[in-house]
Amino acid sequence: MVYKPSIGEKVFNVFNILFMAVMIFICLYPFWYCVTCSLSKDIVGNTSSLMLWPKGFSLGAYKKVLADPLILTGYKVTIFVVVTATVLNLIFTILAAFLLTRREFAIRNFLTWMMLITMYFGGGMIPTYIVYTQILGLENSLLALIVPGLISVYNTIVMRTNFDGIPRSLEESVKVDGGNDMHVLWHIIVPLSKAVVSVMVLFYGVAHWNSWFNALLYIKDREKIPLQLALRSILIQEQVNTGEGAVDSMGMAENIKFATIIVATLPILCVYPFIQKYFVKGVMIGAVKG
């Protein structure tokens, strides 16, 4: 017997498709708008209007941005910081989450509360700056881009929740065979937590990729500034160079503004599809039992 949907179901399906199409357009259009503006030849006075296609065509903004030597330096620094910091973030987060799941650990609850307090209270920017520059001596060092935020309390809680969901019987079987806690962690728990680990890679990686404020505070050498700060410098310099009444320069400044957004965003968008299949599952782990 062939199932035939009722009129109400057909109407609902049509409405659902139209609604999802509108939502997709709302989500994708801001990025497409940046692409069209960055490729347009002259967008002075047009940035407030709806643009589906570039008005004219020019790669001048991208040539201007990519020709700056700060861009290559910024990419090198940012890639180094993202890879190094993300690896260290994962190691410390995994170790902290695993430690908080050990029921025999006497001060587990105390450490949990101490970590939670840091989510709501901080020392402030000036004391933090003094600690990193005068006490730790991290001024003008790439470590100043890695050490702050080396571990996220929220991510640790999410990962701890995932570890708690793994059956204890698997751990007991490893210990029966002579394994210790490190064997349990790296051979049982971590392989079974690929989803949440992938989400942590995305969270930490995107945070480091987009970070620029710490570099603004601690980095003085132009050879050590990350990509985001390099793009910010180019954008500010271009705005200064426009001058009053220079219409053509103003148009180029607008193009450069949108080109910098694409240059900064595109690499992350290229990485996301490879871990997208783990993303929803990993995020929901913390939402269900957090």
Protein backbone atom coordinates (compact mmCIF):
# COMPACT_ATOMS: atom_id res chain seq x y z
CA MET A 1 0.00 0.00 0.00
CA VAL A 2 1.43 3.33 -1.10
CA TYR A 3 1.29 6.03 1.54
CA LYS A 4 -0.24 9.30 0.36
CA PRO A 5 0.36 12.35 2.51
CA SER A 6 -2.69 14.36 3.45
CA ILE A 7 -3.24 17.95 2.37
CA GLY A 8 -2.24 19.17 5.81
CA GLU A 9 1.06 17.26 5.62
CA LYS A 10 1.77 18.66 2.16
CA VAL A 11 1.11 22.20 3.38
CA PHE A 12 3.34 21.63 6.41
CA ASN A 13 6.16 20.24 4.23
CA VAL A 14 5.97 23.23 1.89
CA PHE A 15 5.94 25.66 4.80
CA ASN A 16 8.83 23.80 6.45
CA ILE A 17 10.92 23.92 3.26
CA LEU A 18 10.25 27.63 2.77
CA PHE A 19 11.05 28.37 6.40
CA MET A 20 14.34 26.45 6.25
CA ALA A 21 15.23 28.16 2.97
CA VAL A 22 14.74 31.56 4.61
CA MET A 23 16.85 30.51 7.60
CA ILE A 24 19.64 29.26 5.32
CA PHE A 25 19.58 32.57 3.45
CA ILE A 26 19.74 34.54 6.72
CA CYS A 27 22.73 32.49 7.89
CA LEU A 28 24.67 32.51 4.62
CA TYR A 29 23.94 36.00 3.33
CA PRO A 30 26.22 37.94 5.72
CA PHE A 31 29.23 35.95 4.50
CA TRP A 32 28.12 36.23 0.86
CA TYR A 33 27.64 39.97 1.37
CA CYS A 34 31.25 40.29 2.51
CA VAL A 35 32.39 38.35 -0.57
CA THR A 36 30.43 40.54 -2.98
CA CYS A 37 31.60 43.76 -1.32
CA SER A 38 35.22 42.65 -1.32
CA LEU A 39 35.05 41.86 -5.06
CA SER A 40 33.13 44.98 -6.06
CA LYS A 41 34.92 47.76 -7.91
CA ASP A 42 33.22 50.67 -6.20
CA ILE A 43 30.96 50.29 -3.16
CA VAL A 44 31.06 53.81 -1.74
CA GLY A 45 27.57 54.58 -0.47
CA ASN A 46 26.31 51.11 -1.45
CA THR A 47 27.26 49.05 1.61
CA SER A 48 23.89 49.64 3.27
CA SER A 49 21.93 48.17 0.34
CA LEU A 50 21.19 44.54 -0.51
CA MET A 51 23.92 43.10 -2.73
CA LEU A 52 23.62 39.69 -4.34
CA TRP A 53 26.36 40.18 -6.95
CA PRO A 54 29.50 42.30 -7.05
CA LYS A 55 29.04 45.77 -8.54
CA GLY A 56 31.79 45.66 -11.08
CA PHE A 57 34.69 43.30 -10.42
CA SER A 58 38.06 43.98 -8.87
CA LEU A 59 40.66 42.00 -6.95
CA GLY A 60 42.38 45.18 -5.86
CA ALA A 61 41.35 44.81 -2.24
CA TYR A 62 42.79 41.29 -2.00
CA LYS A 63 45.98 42.36 -3.78
CA LYS A 64 46.33 45.24 -1.34
CA VAL A 65 45.79 43.02 1.69
CA LEU A 66 47.90 40.05 0.57
CA ALA A 67 50.75 42.27 -0.70
CA ASP A 68 51.41 43.56 2.78
CA PRO A 69 54.38 41.66 4.35
CA LEU A 70 52.52 41.64 7.67
CA ILE A 71 50.01 39.16 6.23
CA LEU A 72 52.59 36.41 5.61
CA THR A 73 54.16 37.03 9.00
CA GLY A 74 50.72 37.08 10.64
CA TYR A 75 49.77 33.77 9.06
CA LYS A 76 53.00 32.12 10.25
CA VAL A 77 52.59 33.40 13.80
CA THR A 78 48.88 32.56 13.94
CA ILE A 79 49.32 29.03 12.59
CA PHE A 80 52.12 28.39 15.10
CA VAL A 81 50.07 29.76 18.00
CA VAL A 82 46.88 27.93 16.96
CA VAL A 83 48.59 24.56 16.58
CA THR A 84 50.78 24.83 19.69
CA ALA A 85 48.15 26.35 21.97
CA THR A 86 45.39 23.99 20.83
CA VAL A 87 47.56 20.93 21.49
CA LEU A 88 48.45 22.23 24.96
CA ASN A 89 44.81 23.15 25.60
CA LEU A 90 43.72 19.62 24.78
CA ILE A 91 46.39 17.99 26.94
CA PHE A 92 45.65 20.12 30.00
CA THR A 93 41.88 19.94 29.53
CA ILE A 94 41.93 16.16 29.15
CA LEU A 95 44.15 15.73 32.22
CA ALA A 96 42.03 18.10 34.32
CA ALA A 97 38.76 16.49 33.24
CA PHE A 98 40.11 13.00 33.93
CA LEU A 99 41.35 14.04 37.36
CA LEU A 100 37.93 15.45 38.26
CA THR A 101 36.28 12.14 37.40
CA ARG A 102 38.41 10.18 39.89
CA ARG A 103 36.15 9.54 42.89
CA GLU A 104 39.15 8.60 45.01
CA PHE A 105 40.69 12.05 44.47
CA ALA A 106 40.17 13.71 47.87
CA ILE A 107 39.93 17.36 46.80
CA ARG A 108 37.96 16.78 43.61
CA ASN A 109 34.93 18.81 44.74
CA PHE A 110 37.11 21.59 46.13
CA LEU A 111 38.99 21.96 42.85
CA THR A 112 35.72 21.95 40.92
CA TRP A 113 34.38 24.84 42.98
CA MET A 114 37.65 26.76 42.68
CA MET A 115 37.53 26.38 38.91
CA LEU A 116 33.90 27.47 38.78
CA ILE A 117 34.71 30.64 40.74
CA THR A 118 37.11 31.71 37.99
CA MET A 119 34.21 31.69 35.52
CA TYR A 120 32.46 34.48 37.45
CA PHE A 121 35.30 36.45 39.02
CA GLY A 122 38.59 37.70 37.61
CA GLY A 123 41.49 39.81 38.76
CA GLY A 124 40.97 42.48 36.12
CA MET A 125 43.01 43.56 33.13
CA ILE A 126 45.65 45.65 34.94
CA PRO A 127 46.59 43.00 37.56
CA THR A 128 46.64 40.38 34.80
CA TYR A 129 48.91 42.55 32.69
CA ILE A 130 51.28 43.06 35.62
CA VAL A 131 51.41 39.33 36.34
CA TYR A 132 52.22 38.37 32.75
CA THR A 133 54.72 41.15 32.06
CA GLN A 134 56.51 41.81 35.36
CA ILE A 135 56.19 38.51 37.22
CA LEU A 136 56.17 35.93 34.41
CA GLY A 137 58.18 38.08 31.97
CA LEU A 138 56.05 37.23 28.95
CA GLU A 139 56.05 40.68 27.38
CA ASN A 140 56.83 40.54 23.64
CA SER A 141 56.85 36.72 23.78
CA LEU A 142 54.61 34.34 21.85
CA LEU A 143 54.01 32.57 25.15
CA ALA A 144 51.82 35.56 26.03
CA LEU A 145 49.46 34.36 23.29
CA ILE A 146 49.48 30.77 24.56
CA VAL A 147 49.65 30.80 28.36
CA PRO A 148 46.56 33.00 29.01
CA GLY A 149 43.55 30.75 28.64
CA LEU A 150 45.64 27.60 28.62
CA ILE A 151 42.62 25.79 30.02
CA SER A 152 38.93 26.63 29.78
CA VAL A 153 36.75 25.76 32.76
CA TYR A 154 33.65 25.40 30.59
CA ASN A 155 35.41 23.04 28.17
CA THR A 156 36.81 21.07 31.09
CA ILE A 157 33.32 20.59 32.53
CA VAL A 158 31.98 19.45 29.15
CA MET A 159 34.82 16.96 28.77
CA ARG A 160 34.46 15.74 32.36
CA THR A 161 30.76 15.08 31.71
CA ASN A 162 31.71 12.99 28.69
CA PHE A 163 34.30 11.03 30.66
CA ASP A 164 31.75 10.33 33.40
CA GLY A 165 29.49 8.67 30.81
CA ILE A 166 32.05 6.01 29.91
CA PRO A 167 31.33 2.71 31.71
CA ARG A 168 33.62 2.00 34.65
CA SER A 169 33.74 -1.64 33.65
CA LEU A 170 36.08 -0.73 30.79
CA GLU A 171 38.49 0.89 33.22
CA GLU A 172 38.35 -2.11 35.55
CA SER A 173 39.17 -4.48 32.68
CA VAL A 174 42.31 -2.46 31.89
CA LYS A 175 43.44 -2.48 35.52
CA VAL A 176 42.80 -6.22 35.80
CA ASP A 177 45.26 -6.66 32.92
CA GLY A 178 47.87 -4.62 34.78
CA GLY A 179 47.19 -1.16 33.38
CA ASN A 180 47.24 2.06 35.37
CA ASP A 181 45.25 5.29 35.18
CA MET A 182 47.32 6.64 32.29
CA HIS A 183 46.60 3.49 30.28
CA VAL A 184 42.90 3.94 31.04
CA LEU A 185 43.01 7.57 29.93
CA TRP A 186 44.96 7.30 26.66
CA HIS A 187 43.84 3.84 25.51
CA ILE A 188 40.21 3.76 26.62
CA ILE A 189 38.73 7.15 27.50
CA VAL A 190 40.32 9.38 24.86
CA PRO A 191 39.62 7.02 21.90
CA LEU A 192 35.99 6.76 23.04
CA SER A 193 35.73 10.57 23.26
CA LYS A 194 36.61 11.55 19.70
CA ALA A 195 33.45 13.61 19.34
CA VAL A 196 34.04 15.86 22.33
CA VAL A 197 37.78 16.09 21.60
CA SER A 198 36.97 17.27 18.06
CA VAL A 199 34.65 19.92 19.46
CA MET A 200 37.37 21.08 21.83
CA VAL A 201 39.77 21.36 18.88
CA LEU A 202 37.24 23.59 17.13
CA PHE A 203 36.49 25.71 20.20
CA TYR A 204 40.12 26.27 21.14
CA GLY A 205 41.35 26.61 17.57
CA VAL A 206 38.77 29.24 16.58
CA ALA A 207 39.37 31.17 19.80
CA HIS A 208 43.12 31.34 19.15
CA TRP A 209 42.62 32.12 15.46
CA ASN A 210 40.38 35.09 16.25
CA SER A 211 42.39 36.33 19.22
CA TRP A 212 44.04 39.72 18.85
CA PHE A 213 43.62 41.56 22.16
CA ASN A 214 46.40 39.72 23.99
CA ALA A 215 48.74 40.45 21.09
CA LEU A 216 47.78 44.12 21.28
CA LEU A 217 48.67 44.16 24.99
CA TYR A 218 51.82 42.07 25.10
CA ILE A 219 53.44 41.99 21.64
CA LYS A 220 55.59 44.94 20.56
CA ASP A 221 57.64 43.37 17.76
CA ARG A 222 55.92 43.55 14.35
CA GLU A 223 57.50 40.21 13.42
CA LYS A 224 55.50 38.49 16.19
CA ILE A 225 52.02 39.90 15.65
CA PRO A 226 49.30 37.39 14.65
CA LEU A 227 47.08 37.60 11.59
CA GLN A 228 44.12 39.30 13.26
CA LEU A 229 46.26 42.14 14.60
CA ALA A 230 48.01 42.46 11.24
CA LEU A 231 44.67 42.81 9.47
CA ARG A 232 43.56 45.35 12.05
CA SER A 233 46.71 47.38 11.44
CA ILE A 234 46.21 47.30 7.67
CA LEU A 235 42.59 48.36 8.02
CA ILE A 236 43.39 51.24 10.36
CA GLN A 237 46.25 52.40 8.13
CA GLU A 238 44.05 52.31 5.05
CA GLN A 239 41.36 54.36 6.79
CA VAL A 240 43.96 56.94 7.79
CA ASN A 241 45.26 57.13 4.23
CA THR A 242 41.86 57.83 2.70
CA GLY A 243 41.76 61.45 3.82
CA GLU A 244 38.70 63.63 3.73
CA GLY A 245 36.89 63.82 0.41
CA ALA A 246 38.97 61.11 -1.28
CA VAL A 247 36.09 59.13 -2.75
CA ASP A 248 38.21 56.57 -4.58
CA SER A 249 40.32 55.92 -1.48
CA MET A 250 37.19 55.59 0.61
CA GLY A 251 35.89 52.98 -1.81
CA MET A 252 39.14 51.01 -1.58
CA ALA A 253 39.02 51.25 2.21
CA GLU A 254 35.55 49.71 2.18
CA ASN A 255 36.73 46.93 -0.15
CA ILE A 256 39.72 46.25 2.09
CA LYS A 257 37.48 46.09 5.15
CA PHE A 258 35.46 43.25 3.65
CA ALA A 259 38.53 41.57 2.12
CA THR A 260 40.13 41.37 5.57
CA ILE A 261 37.02 39.60 6.88
CA ILE A 262 37.26 36.97 4.12
CA VAL A 263 41.02 36.49 4.57
CA ALA A 264 40.55 35.98 8.31
CA THR A 265 37.48 33.72 8.05
CA LEU A 266 38.13 31.47 5.05
CA PRO A 267 40.79 29.18 6.61
CA ILE A 268 38.51 28.30 9.52
CA LEU A 269 35.63 27.60 7.13
CA CYS A 270 37.89 25.19 5.23
CA VAL A 271 38.73 23.26 8.41
CA TYR A 272 35.19 23.02 9.80
CA PRO A 273 33.78 20.41 7.31
CA PHE A 274 36.37 17.85 8.44
CA ILE A 275 35.12 17.86 12.05
CA GLN A 276 31.48 18.80 11.44
CA LYS A 277 30.27 15.21 11.87
CA TYR A 278 31.55 15.22 15.46
CA PHE A 279 30.35 18.71 16.30
CA VAL A 280 26.67 18.16 17.15
CA LYS A 281 27.32 14.98 19.10
CA GLY A 282 30.15 16.54 21.08
CA VAL A 283 28.18 19.66 21.99
CA MET A 284 25.10 17.67 23.03
CA ILE A 285 27.17 15.62 25.47
CA GLY A 286 27.53 18.65 27.72
CA ALA A 287 23.94 19.79 27.14
CA VAL A 288 22.32 16.53 28.22
CA LYS A 289 24.18 15.83 31.44
CA GLY A 290 26.04 19.10 32.19
